[in-house]
Amino acid sequence: MAQPNQTPREPNGPLIPLEIDDSNSSSRAQNRKQNREAATRFRRRKKQLQETLEALERKEREIQTLRQERDFYRSERNFLQEWVIQTFPSLNYPEDQSLHGSRSFTSVCGQLQGKDVVDLEVFIERVRSAVEERQDPDFVIIARTDARQAKKFGGPNAGSEAFHEGIKRLKAAVAAGADMVFMESRAPRTSGLTPNLKISECDRLGFRAAIYPCTGFIPAMLAMQRSYGALKATGTDLEACEGQMIKDFFDQVGLGDAWEFEARISDFSEKHTGGKGAQEES
């Protein structure tokens, strides 16, 4: 809007009226206002985007935690199911729906008779599911089949049909992504069960890997039998423990490292939060 101004004055003369147009000033002020509002909206959207990304990261961590919990409880469930089967073998159980092989739920160990296997399609689905769900690339997926001793192929009297069925299943497992495969009870030796071969014998037969699952738990069972027997006989466990105390046990299993890790993480969290997120001890 143009406004009159009565300055300047000519020497000894009348005032000279001037008109000053400040519309450009108003326009610039309006532009500055619009820029401030745009900058405010941008910062608000940027903050909302950052909050959304942080929420997604938190949700991803929650999902990962839930997956770990799911895997833990599945493992516990499978362990308890197998324990019940071994403890009460006379009971009838539904077929296994887990993802760890071609056996049906009515048998567990490869050294037991009376095993049966699921259909080939189910076996392939289990192997492929394990491959798809693998989180650690170093995790080795081993597919096994008990077709050689399966009841549907003749059990302990199974012949070449069972052997060729096992070969077909192992090839299918490799095609599904399994890293290793093996057939339980490959040959009708020692009542048709897989024998306990030495490493040199496995090398001679051309096996690239051998699993010795009894190496840990059978010696542990024998050691516990001896130690509990000594406790019952002598009234003390000092000799059986060979002078080792509970602290030595904690050190052996790495509990000190776990405490050190926990303290290090706690210190890191406290430094970055100023202690505001720490839980108060009751």
C-alpha atoms as a PDB file:
ATOM      1  CA  MET A   1       0.000   0.000   0.000  1.00  0.00           C
ATOM      2  CA  ALA A   2       1.437   3.399  -0.986  1.00  0.00           C
ATOM      3  CA  GLN A   3       1.683   5.912   1.829  1.00  0.00           C
ATOM      4  CA  PRO A   4       2.591   9.644   1.497  1.00  0.00           C
ATOM      5  CA  ASN A   5       5.724  10.961   3.116  1.00  0.00           C
ATOM      6  CA  GLN A   6       6.356  14.724   3.716  1.00  0.00           C
ATOM      7  CA  THR A   7      10.123  14.530   3.565  1.00  0.00           C
ATOM      8  CA  PRO A   8      12.538  15.780   2.341  1.00  0.00           C
ATOM      9  CA  ARG A   9      12.129  19.562   2.100  1.00  0.00           C
ATOM     10  CA  GLU A  10      13.821  21.804  -0.453  1.00  0.00           C
ATOM     11  CA  PRO A  11      15.858  24.635   1.075  1.00  0.00           C
ATOM     12  CA  ASN A  12      13.561  27.562   1.782  1.00  0.00           C
ATOM     13  CA  GLY A  13      10.867  25.834  -0.202  1.00  0.00           C
ATOM     14  CA  PRO A  14       7.658  23.885   0.410  1.00  0.00           C
ATOM     15  CA  LEU A  15       7.475  20.261   1.422  1.00  0.00           C
ATOM     16  CA  ILE A  16       7.683  17.852  -1.468  1.00  0.00           C
ATOM     17  CA  PRO A  17       5.182  15.019  -1.073  1.00  0.00           C
ATOM     18  CA  LEU A  18       6.649  11.562  -1.895  1.00  0.00           C
ATOM     19  CA  GLU A  19       4.901   8.241  -2.181  1.00  0.00           C
ATOM     20  CA  ILE A  20       6.793   5.105  -0.977  1.00  0.00           C
ATOM     21  CA  ASP A  21       5.554   1.740  -2.175  1.00  0.00           C
ATOM     22  CA  ASP A  22       6.141  -0.909   0.574  1.00  0.00           C
ATOM     23  CA  SER A  23       4.223  -3.683  -1.191  1.00  0.00           C
ATOM     24  CA  ASN A  24       7.531  -5.455  -1.933  1.00  0.00           C
ATOM     25  CA  SER A  25       8.348  -5.422   1.774  1.00  0.00           C
ATOM     26  CA  SER A  26       4.993  -6.980   2.566  1.00  0.00           C
ATOM     27  CA  SER A  27       5.578  -9.600  -0.115  1.00  0.00           C
ATOM     28  CA  ARG A  28       8.972 -10.452   1.301  1.00  0.00           C
ATOM     29  CA  ALA A  29       7.500 -10.756   4.784  1.00  0.00           C
ATOM     30  CA  GLN A  30       4.828 -13.059   3.430  1.00  0.00           C
ATOM     31  CA  ASN A  31       7.496 -15.173   1.696  1.00  0.00           C
ATOM     32  CA  ARG A  32       9.500 -15.401   4.906  1.00  0.00           C
ATOM     33  CA  LYS A  33       6.387 -16.524   6.761  1.00  0.00           C
ATOM     34  CA  GLN A  34       5.653 -19.168   4.156  1.00  0.00           C
ATOM     35  CA  ASN A  35       9.257 -20.378   4.253  1.00  0.00           C
ATOM     36  CA  ARG A  36       9.130 -20.680   8.037  1.00  0.00           C
ATOM     37  CA  GLU A  37       5.899 -22.647   7.839  1.00  0.00           C
ATOM     38  CA  ALA A  38       7.352 -24.923   5.130  1.00  0.00           C
ATOM     39  CA  ALA A  39      10.494 -25.486   7.192  1.00  0.00           C
ATOM     40  CA  THR A  40       8.337 -26.320  10.208  1.00  0.00           C
ATOM     41  CA  ARG A  41       6.304 -28.821   8.179  1.00  0.00           C
ATOM     42  CA  PHE A  42       9.517 -30.373   6.814  1.00  0.00           C
ATOM     43  CA  ARG A  43      11.001 -30.762  10.282  1.00  0.00           C
ATOM     44  CA  ARG A  44       7.735 -32.236  11.507  1.00  0.00           C
ATOM     45  CA  ARG A  45       7.632 -34.764   8.639  1.00  0.00           C
ATOM     46  CA  LYS A  46      11.302 -35.598   9.177  1.00  0.00           C
ATOM     47  CA  LYS A  47      10.660 -36.195  12.865  1.00  0.00           C
ATOM     48  CA  GLN A  48       7.629 -38.352  12.076  1.00  0.00           C
ATOM     49  CA  LEU A  49       9.675 -40.357   9.565  1.00  0.00           C
ATOM     50  CA  GLN A  50      12.455 -40.846  12.108  1.00  0.00           C
ATOM     51  CA  GLU A  51       9.947 -41.958  14.734  1.00  0.00           C
ATOM     52  CA  THR A  52       8.407 -44.386  12.227  1.00  0.00           C
ATOM     53  CA  LEU A  53      11.809 -45.865  11.380  1.00  0.00           C
ATOM     54  CA  GLU A  54      12.665 -46.226  15.066  1.00  0.00           C
ATOM     55  CA  ALA A  55       9.302 -47.892  15.688  1.00  0.00           C
ATOM     56  CA  LEU A  56       9.965 -50.322  12.823  1.00  0.00           C
ATOM     57  CA  GLU A  57      13.403 -51.124  14.234  1.00  0.00           C
ATOM     58  CA  ARG A  58      11.893 -51.765  17.667  1.00  0.00           C
ATOM     59  CA  LYS A  59       9.240 -53.970  16.084  1.00  0.00           C
ATOM     60  CA  GLU A  60      11.903 -55.899  14.167  1.00  0.00           C
ATOM     61  CA  ARG A  61      13.831 -56.484  17.404  1.00  0.00           C
ATOM     62  CA  GLU A  62      10.622 -57.638  19.086  1.00  0.00           C
ATOM     63  CA  ILE A  63       9.931 -60.036  16.205  1.00  0.00           C
ATOM     64  CA  GLN A  64      13.473 -61.405  16.415  1.00  0.00           C
ATOM     65  CA  THR A  65      13.054 -61.931  20.164  1.00  0.00           C
ATOM     66  CA  LEU A  66       9.732 -63.693  19.600  1.00  0.00           C
ATOM     67  CA  ARG A  67      11.322 -65.916  16.971  1.00  0.00           C
ATOM     68  CA  GLN A  68      14.066 -66.876  19.396  1.00  0.00           C
ATOM     69  CA  GLU A  69      11.489 -67.612  22.085  1.00  0.00           C
ATOM     70  CA  ARG A  70       9.449 -69.629  19.590  1.00  0.00           C
ATOM     71  CA  ASP A  71      12.495 -71.700  18.630  1.00  0.00           C
ATOM     72  CA  PHE A  72      13.366 -72.232  22.293  1.00  0.00           C
ATOM     73  CA  TYR A  73       9.884 -73.466  23.205  1.00  0.00           C
ATOM     74  CA  ARG A  74       9.738 -75.651  20.105  1.00  0.00           C
ATOM     75  CA  SER A  75      13.011 -77.230  21.157  1.00  0.00           C
ATOM     76  CA  GLU A  76      11.720 -77.760  24.687  1.00  0.00           C
ATOM     77  CA  ARG A  77       8.499 -79.226  23.344  1.00  0.00           C
ATOM     78  CA  ASN A  78      10.351 -81.638  21.068  1.00  0.00           C
ATOM     79  CA  PHE A  79      12.652 -82.666  23.907  1.00  0.00           C
ATOM     80  CA  LEU A  80       9.726 -83.398  26.224  1.00  0.00           C
ATOM     81  CA  GLN A  81       7.838 -85.243  23.486  1.00  0.00           C
ATOM     82  CA  GLU A  82      10.813 -87.491  22.802  1.00  0.00           C
ATOM     83  CA  TRP A  83      11.344 -88.058  26.522  1.00  0.00           C
ATOM     84  CA  VAL A  84       7.712 -89.145  26.909  1.00  0.00           C
ATOM     85  CA  ILE A  85       8.040 -91.499  23.938  1.00  0.00           C
ATOM     86  CA  GLN A  86      11.150 -93.112  25.361  1.00  0.00           C
ATOM     87  CA  THR A  87       9.663 -93.332  28.863  1.00  0.00           C
ATOM     88  CA  PHE A  88       6.229 -94.634  27.806  1.00  0.00           C
ATOM     89  CA  PRO A  89       6.817 -96.491  24.512  1.00  0.00           C
ATOM     90  CA  SER A  90       3.576 -98.437  24.792  1.00  0.00           C
ATOM     91  CA  LEU A  91       1.427 -95.331  24.324  1.00  0.00           C
ATOM     92  CA  ASN A  92       0.138 -94.297  20.899  1.00  0.00           C
ATOM     93  CA  TYR A  93       1.205 -90.915  19.533  1.00  0.00           C
ATOM     94  CA  PRO A  94       0.203 -88.879  16.498  1.00  0.00           C
ATOM     95  CA  GLU A  95       2.641 -88.428  13.654  1.00  0.00           C
ATOM     96  CA  ASP A  96       5.469 -85.965  14.140  1.00  0.00           C
ATOM     97  CA  GLN A  97       4.883 -82.519  12.645  1.00  0.00           C
ATOM     98  CA  SER A  98       8.304 -81.042  13.452  1.00  0.00           C
ATOM     99  CA  LEU A  99      10.992 -80.240  10.882  1.00  0.00           C
ATOM    100  CA  HIS A 100      13.836 -82.588  11.661  1.00  0.00           C
ATOM    101  CA  GLY A 101      13.736 -85.621   9.411  1.00  0.00           C
ATOM    102  CA  SER A 102      11.655 -88.259   7.720  1.00  0.00           C
ATOM    103  CA  ARG A 103      10.817 -90.337  10.795  1.00  0.00           C
ATOM    104  CA  SER A 104       7.289 -90.507  12.123  1.00  0.00           C
ATOM    105  CA  PHE A 105       6.566 -89.608  15.727  1.00  0.00           C
ATOM    106  CA  THR A 106       6.385 -93.213  16.942  1.00  0.00           C
ATOM    107  CA  SER A 107      10.173 -93.605  17.127  1.00  0.00           C
ATOM    108  CA  VAL A 108      13.104 -91.431  18.133  1.00  0.00           C
ATOM    109  CA  CYS A 109      16.542 -93.014  18.097  1.00  0.00           C
ATOM    110  CA  GLY A 110      17.926 -94.640  14.987  1.00  0.00           C
ATOM    111  CA  GLN A 111      19.026 -97.597  17.095  1.00  0.00           C
ATOM    112  CA  LEU A 112      15.420 -98.527  17.948  1.00  0.00           C
ATOM    113  CA  GLN A 113      13.227-100.972  16.084  1.00  0.00           C
ATOM    114  CA  GLY A 114       9.664-100.261  14.954  1.00  0.00           C
ATOM    115  CA  LYS A 115      10.383 -97.021  13.130  1.00  0.00           C
ATOM    116  CA  ASP A 116       8.320 -95.641  10.321  1.00  0.00           C
ATOM    117  CA  VAL A 117       8.641 -92.637   8.018  1.00  0.00           C
ATOM    118  CA  VAL A 118       6.362 -89.896   6.766  1.00  0.00           C
ATOM    119  CA  ASP A 119       5.496 -89.468   3.113  1.00  0.00           C
ATOM    120  CA  LEU A 120       8.199 -88.163   0.804  1.00  0.00           C
ATOM    121  CA  GLU A 121       6.321 -84.881   0.274  1.00  0.00           C
ATOM    122  CA  VAL A 122       6.216 -84.203   4.012  1.00  0.00           C
ATOM    123  CA  PHE A 123       9.917 -85.038   4.330  1.00  0.00           C
ATOM    124  CA  ILE A 124      10.812 -82.557   1.577  1.00  0.00           C
ATOM    125  CA  GLU A 125       8.594 -79.877   3.142  1.00  0.00           C
ATOM    126  CA  ARG A 126      10.386 -80.284   6.479  1.00  0.00           C
ATOM    127  CA  VAL A 127      13.822 -79.977   4.946  1.00  0.00           C
ATOM    128  CA  ARG A 128      12.864 -76.986   2.821  1.00  0.00           C
ATOM    129  CA  SER A 129      11.191 -75.279   5.786  1.00  0.00           C
ATOM    130  CA  ALA A 130      14.395 -75.645   7.784  1.00  0.00           C
ATOM    131  CA  VAL A 131      16.392 -74.186   4.888  1.00  0.00           C
ATOM    132  CA  GLU A 132      14.018 -71.243   4.490  1.00  0.00           C
ATOM    133  CA  GLU A 133      14.015 -70.460   8.226  1.00  0.00           C
ATOM    134  CA  ARG A 134      17.802 -70.691   8.678  1.00  0.00           C
ATOM    135  CA  GLN A 135      19.071 -67.470  10.300  1.00  0.00           C
ATOM    136  CA  ASP A 136      22.766 -68.317  10.670  1.00  0.00           C
ATOM    137  CA  PRO A 137      24.526 -69.165   7.385  1.00  0.00           C
ATOM    138  CA  ASP A 138      26.969 -71.376   9.329  1.00  0.00           C
ATOM    139  CA  PHE A 139      24.110 -73.491  10.705  1.00  0.00           C
ATOM    140  CA  VAL A 140      24.352 -76.964   9.149  1.00  0.00           C
ATOM    141  CA  ILE A 141      21.119 -78.685   8.133  1.00  0.00           C
ATOM    142  CA  ILE A 142      21.440 -82.477   8.181  1.00  0.00           C
ATOM    143  CA  ALA A 143      18.665 -84.589   6.682  1.00  0.00           C
ATOM    144  CA  ARG A 144      18.361 -88.226   7.715  1.00  0.00           C
ATOM    145  CA  THR A 145      15.984 -90.988   6.810  1.00  0.00           C
ATOM    146  CA  ASP A 146      15.052 -94.249   8.503  1.00  0.00           C
ATOM    147  CA  ALA A 147      13.513 -95.690   5.349  1.00  0.00           C
ATOM    148  CA  ARG A 148      15.942 -98.638   5.542  1.00  0.00           C
ATOM    149  CA  GLN A 149      14.166 -99.854   8.706  1.00  0.00           C
ATOM    150  CA  ALA A 150      10.696 -98.341   8.121  1.00  0.00           C
ATOM    151  CA  LYS A 151       7.746-100.574   8.909  1.00  0.00           C
ATOM    152  CA  LYS A 152       6.013 -99.659   5.650  1.00  0.00           C
ATOM    153  CA  PHE A 153       8.973-101.143   3.752  1.00  0.00           C
ATOM    154  CA  GLY A 154       9.291-104.282   5.829  1.00  0.00           C
ATOM    155  CA  GLY A 155      10.950-103.120   9.058  1.00  0.00           C
ATOM    156  CA  PRO A 156      13.871-105.379  10.059  1.00  0.00           C
ATOM    157  CA  ASN A 157      13.086-107.592   7.035  1.00  0.00           C
ATOM    158  CA  ALA A 158      13.184-104.694   4.552  1.00  0.00           C
ATOM    159  CA  GLY A 159      14.990-105.351   1.305  1.00  0.00           C
ATOM    160  CA  SER A 160      16.244-103.374  -1.658  1.00  0.00           C
ATOM    161  CA  GLU A 161      13.023-101.373  -1.975  1.00  0.00           C
ATOM    162  CA  ALA A 162      13.663 -99.718   1.389  1.00  0.00           C
ATOM    163  CA  PHE A 163      17.277 -99.008   0.485  1.00  0.00           C
ATOM    164  CA  HIS A 164      16.373 -97.362  -2.824  1.00  0.00           C
ATOM    165  CA  GLU A 165      13.599 -95.406  -1.121  1.00  0.00           C
ATOM    166  CA  GLY A 166      16.171 -94.043   1.310  1.00  0.00           C
ATOM    167  CA  ILE A 167      18.481 -93.041  -1.540  1.00  0.00           C
ATOM    168  CA  LYS A 168      15.583 -91.259  -3.269  1.00  0.00           C
ATOM    169  CA  ARG A 169      14.748 -89.337  -0.095  1.00  0.00           C
ATOM    170  CA  LEU A 170      18.343 -88.269   0.477  1.00  0.00           C
ATOM    171  CA  LYS A 171      18.667 -86.993  -3.092  1.00  0.00           C
ATOM    172  CA  ALA A 172      15.419 -85.060  -2.624  1.00  0.00           C
ATOM    173  CA  ALA A 173      16.778 -83.569   0.603  1.00  0.00           C
ATOM    174  CA  VAL A 174      19.909 -82.357  -1.205  1.00  0.00           C
ATOM    175  CA  ALA A 175      17.731 -80.796  -3.903  1.00  0.00           C
ATOM    176  CA  ALA A 176      15.706 -79.085  -1.148  1.00  0.00           C
ATOM    177  CA  GLY A 177      18.865 -77.465   0.239  1.00  0.00           C
ATOM    178  CA  ALA A 178      20.154 -79.809   2.956  1.00  0.00           C
ATOM    179  CA  ASP A 179      23.894 -79.468   3.622  1.00  0.00           C
ATOM    180  CA  MET A 180      24.428 -83.094   4.648  1.00  0.00           C
ATOM    181  CA  VAL A 181      22.387 -86.293   4.407  1.00  0.00           C
ATOM    182  CA  PHE A 182      22.651 -89.779   5.821  1.00  0.00           C
ATOM    183  CA  MET A 183      20.659 -92.982   5.939  1.00  0.00           C
ATOM    184  CA  GLU A 184      20.180 -94.698   9.270  1.00  0.00           C
ATOM    185  CA  SER A 185      20.757 -98.478   9.202  1.00  0.00           C
ATOM    186  CA  ARG A 186      22.378 -98.358   5.793  1.00  0.00           C
ATOM    187  CA  ALA A 187      23.227-102.064   5.766  1.00  0.00           C
ATOM    188  CA  PRO A 188      21.691-105.075   7.585  1.00  0.00           C
ATOM    189  CA  ARG A 189      24.600-105.357  10.011  1.00  0.00           C
ATOM    190  CA  THR A 190      24.290-105.769  13.798  1.00  0.00           C
ATOM    191  CA  SER A 191      20.563-106.560  13.634  1.00  0.00           C
ATOM    192  CA  GLY A 192      20.086-104.011  10.879  1.00  0.00           C
ATOM    193  CA  LEU A 193      21.145-100.994  13.002  1.00  0.00           C
ATOM    194  CA  THR A 194      23.955 -98.605  12.213  1.00  0.00           C
ATOM    195  CA  PRO A 195      27.159-100.016  13.737  1.00  0.00           C
ATOM    196  CA  ASN A 196      29.602 -98.057  15.871  1.00  0.00           C
ATOM    197  CA  LEU A 197      32.427 -97.636  13.370  1.00  0.00           C
ATOM    198  CA  LYS A 198      35.834 -96.163  14.099  1.00  0.00           C
ATOM    199  CA  ILE A 199      36.899 -93.028  12.248  1.00  0.00           C
ATOM    200  CA  SER A 200      39.397 -95.043  10.223  1.00  0.00           C
ATOM    201  CA  GLU A 201      36.585 -97.361   9.104  1.00  0.00           C
ATOM    202  CA  CYS A 202      34.419 -94.388   8.119  1.00  0.00           C
ATOM    203  CA  ASP A 203      37.322 -93.015   6.054  1.00  0.00           C
ATOM    204  CA  ARG A 204      37.804 -96.369   4.373  1.00  0.00           C
ATOM    205  CA  LEU A 205      34.115 -96.596   3.494  1.00  0.00           C
ATOM    206  CA  GLY A 206      34.167 -93.113   1.954  1.00  0.00           C
ATOM    207  CA  PHE A 207      32.104 -91.164   4.500  1.00  0.00           C
ATOM    208  CA  ARG A 208      32.926 -87.443   4.618  1.00  0.00           C
ATOM    209  CA  ALA A 209      31.557 -86.917   8.142  1.00  0.00           C
ATOM    210  CA  ALA A 210      30.707 -89.021  11.175  1.00  0.00           C
ATOM    211  CA  ILE A 211      28.519 -88.164  14.154  1.00  0.00           C
ATOM    212  CA  TYR A 212      29.273 -89.691  17.547  1.00  0.00           C
ATOM    213  CA  PRO A 213      26.303 -88.564  19.684  1.00  0.00           C
ATOM    214  CA  CYS A 214      27.080 -90.891  22.595  1.00  0.00           C
ATOM    215  CA  THR A 215      30.493 -89.326  23.255  1.00  0.00           C
ATOM    216  CA  GLY A 216      29.039 -86.806  25.663  1.00  0.00           C
ATOM    217  CA  PHE A 217      26.009 -88.211  27.402  1.00  0.00           C
ATOM    218  CA  ILE A 218      27.043 -91.840  28.019  1.00  0.00           C
ATOM    219  CA  PRO A 219      30.337 -90.913  29.780  1.00  0.00           C
ATOM    220  CA  ALA A 220      28.390 -88.266  31.699  1.00  0.00           C
ATOM    221  CA  MET A 221      25.829 -90.883  32.762  1.00  0.00           C
ATOM    222  CA  LEU A 222      28.580 -93.257  33.933  1.00  0.00           C
ATOM    223  CA  ALA A 223      30.346 -90.464  35.822  1.00  0.00           C
ATOM    224  CA  MET A 224      27.110 -89.488  37.616  1.00  0.00           C
ATOM    225  CA  GLN A 225      26.440 -93.107  38.501  1.00  0.00           C
ATOM    226  CA  ARG A 226      29.884 -93.330  40.083  1.00  0.00           C
ATOM    227  CA  SER A 227      29.633 -89.998  41.915  1.00  0.00           C
ATOM    228  CA  TYR A 228      26.151 -90.590  43.330  1.00  0.00           C
ATOM    229  CA  GLY A 229      27.147 -94.115  44.268  1.00  0.00           C
ATOM    230  CA  ALA A 230      30.173 -92.720  46.134  1.00  0.00           C
ATOM    231  CA  LEU A 231      27.964 -90.182  47.913  1.00  0.00           C
ATOM    232  CA  LYS A 232      25.613 -92.949  49.016  1.00  0.00           C
ATOM    233  CA  ALA A 233      28.471 -95.169  50.152  1.00  0.00           C
ATOM    234  CA  THR A 234      30.727 -92.593  51.863  1.00  0.00           C
ATOM    235  CA  GLY A 235      28.362 -89.758  52.771  1.00  0.00           C
ATOM    236  CA  THR A 236      30.393 -87.131  50.886  1.00  0.00           C
ATOM    237  CA  ASP A 237      30.974 -85.996  47.315  1.00  0.00           C
ATOM    238  CA  LEU A 238      34.408 -84.438  47.879  1.00  0.00           C
ATOM    239  CA  GLU A 239      36.340 -87.345  46.416  1.00  0.00           C
ATOM    240  CA  ALA A 240      34.049 -87.641  43.411  1.00  0.00           C
ATOM    241  CA  CYS A 241      34.384 -83.904  42.744  1.00  0.00           C
ATOM    242  CA  GLU A 242      38.188 -84.254  42.842  1.00  0.00           C
ATOM    243  CA  GLY A 243      38.607 -81.120  44.921  1.00  0.00           C
ATOM    244  CA  GLN A 244      36.592 -78.931  42.556  1.00  0.00           C
ATOM    245  CA  MET A 245      34.192 -76.485  44.208  1.00  0.00           C
ATOM    246  CA  ILE A 246      31.122 -74.702  42.843  1.00  0.00           C
ATOM    247  CA  LYS A 247      33.212 -71.669  41.889  1.00  0.00           C
ATOM    248  CA  ASP A 248      35.446 -73.896  39.789  1.00  0.00           C
ATOM    249  CA  PHE A 249      32.342 -75.181  38.038  1.00  0.00           C
ATOM    250  CA  PHE A 250      31.143 -71.642  37.309  1.00  0.00           C
ATOM    251  CA  ASP A 251      34.543 -70.739  35.894  1.00  0.00           C
ATOM    252  CA  GLN A 252      34.610 -73.887  33.772  1.00  0.00           C
ATOM    253  CA  VAL A 253      31.234 -73.198  32.156  1.00  0.00           C
ATOM    254  CA  GLY A 254      32.122 -69.556  31.484  1.00  0.00           C
ATOM    255  CA  LEU A 255      29.829 -67.876  33.980  1.00  0.00           C
ATOM    256  CA  GLY A 256      32.486 -65.253  34.734  1.00  0.00           C
ATOM    257  CA  ASP A 257      32.531 -64.241  31.062  1.00  0.00           C
ATOM    258  CA  ALA A 258      28.745 -63.940  31.125  1.00  0.00           C
ATOM    259  CA  TRP A 259      28.892 -61.644  34.157  1.00  0.00           C
ATOM    260  CA  GLU A 260      31.593 -59.535  32.510  1.00  0.00           C
ATOM    261  CA  PHE A 261      29.497 -59.228  29.357  1.00  0.00           C
ATOM    262  CA  GLU A 262      26.434 -58.213  31.373  1.00  0.00           C
ATOM    263  CA  ALA A 263      28.414 -55.575  33.277  1.00  0.00           C
ATOM    264  CA  ARG A 264      29.896 -54.195  30.053  1.00  0.00           C
ATOM    265  CA  ILE A 265      26.487 -53.863  28.426  1.00  0.00           C
ATOM    266  CA  SER A 266      25.049 -52.269  31.564  1.00  0.00           C
ATOM    267  CA  ASP A 267      27.869 -49.677  31.680  1.00  0.00           C
ATOM    268  CA  PHE A 268      27.371 -48.872  27.995  1.00  0.00           C
ATOM    269  CA  SER A 269      23.629 -48.381  28.478  1.00  0.00           C
ATOM    270  CA  GLU A 270      24.143 -46.190  31.548  1.00  0.00           C
ATOM    271  CA  LYS A 271      26.636 -43.958  29.738  1.00  0.00           C
ATOM    272  CA  HIS A 272      24.284 -43.387  26.821  1.00  0.00           C
ATOM    273  CA  THR A 273      21.149 -42.834  28.889  1.00  0.00           C
ATOM    274  CA  GLY A 274      22.576 -41.139  31.938  1.00  0.00           C
ATOM    275  CA  GLY A 275      21.137 -43.933  34.022  1.00  0.00           C
ATOM    276  CA  LYS A 276      17.577 -42.794  33.242  1.00  0.00           C
ATOM    277  CA  GLY A 277      16.499 -46.130  31.799  1.00  0.00           C
ATOM    278  CA  ALA A 278      18.042 -48.288  34.500  1.00  0.00           C
ATOM    279  CA  GLN A 279      15.741 -50.437  36.570  1.00  0.00           C
ATOM    280  CA  GLU A 280      15.644 -49.607  40.242  1.00  0.00           C
ATOM    281  CA  GLU A 281      16.316 -52.430  42.619  1.00  0.00           C
ATOM    282  CA  SER A 282      13.470 -53.100  44.997  1.00  0.00           C
END
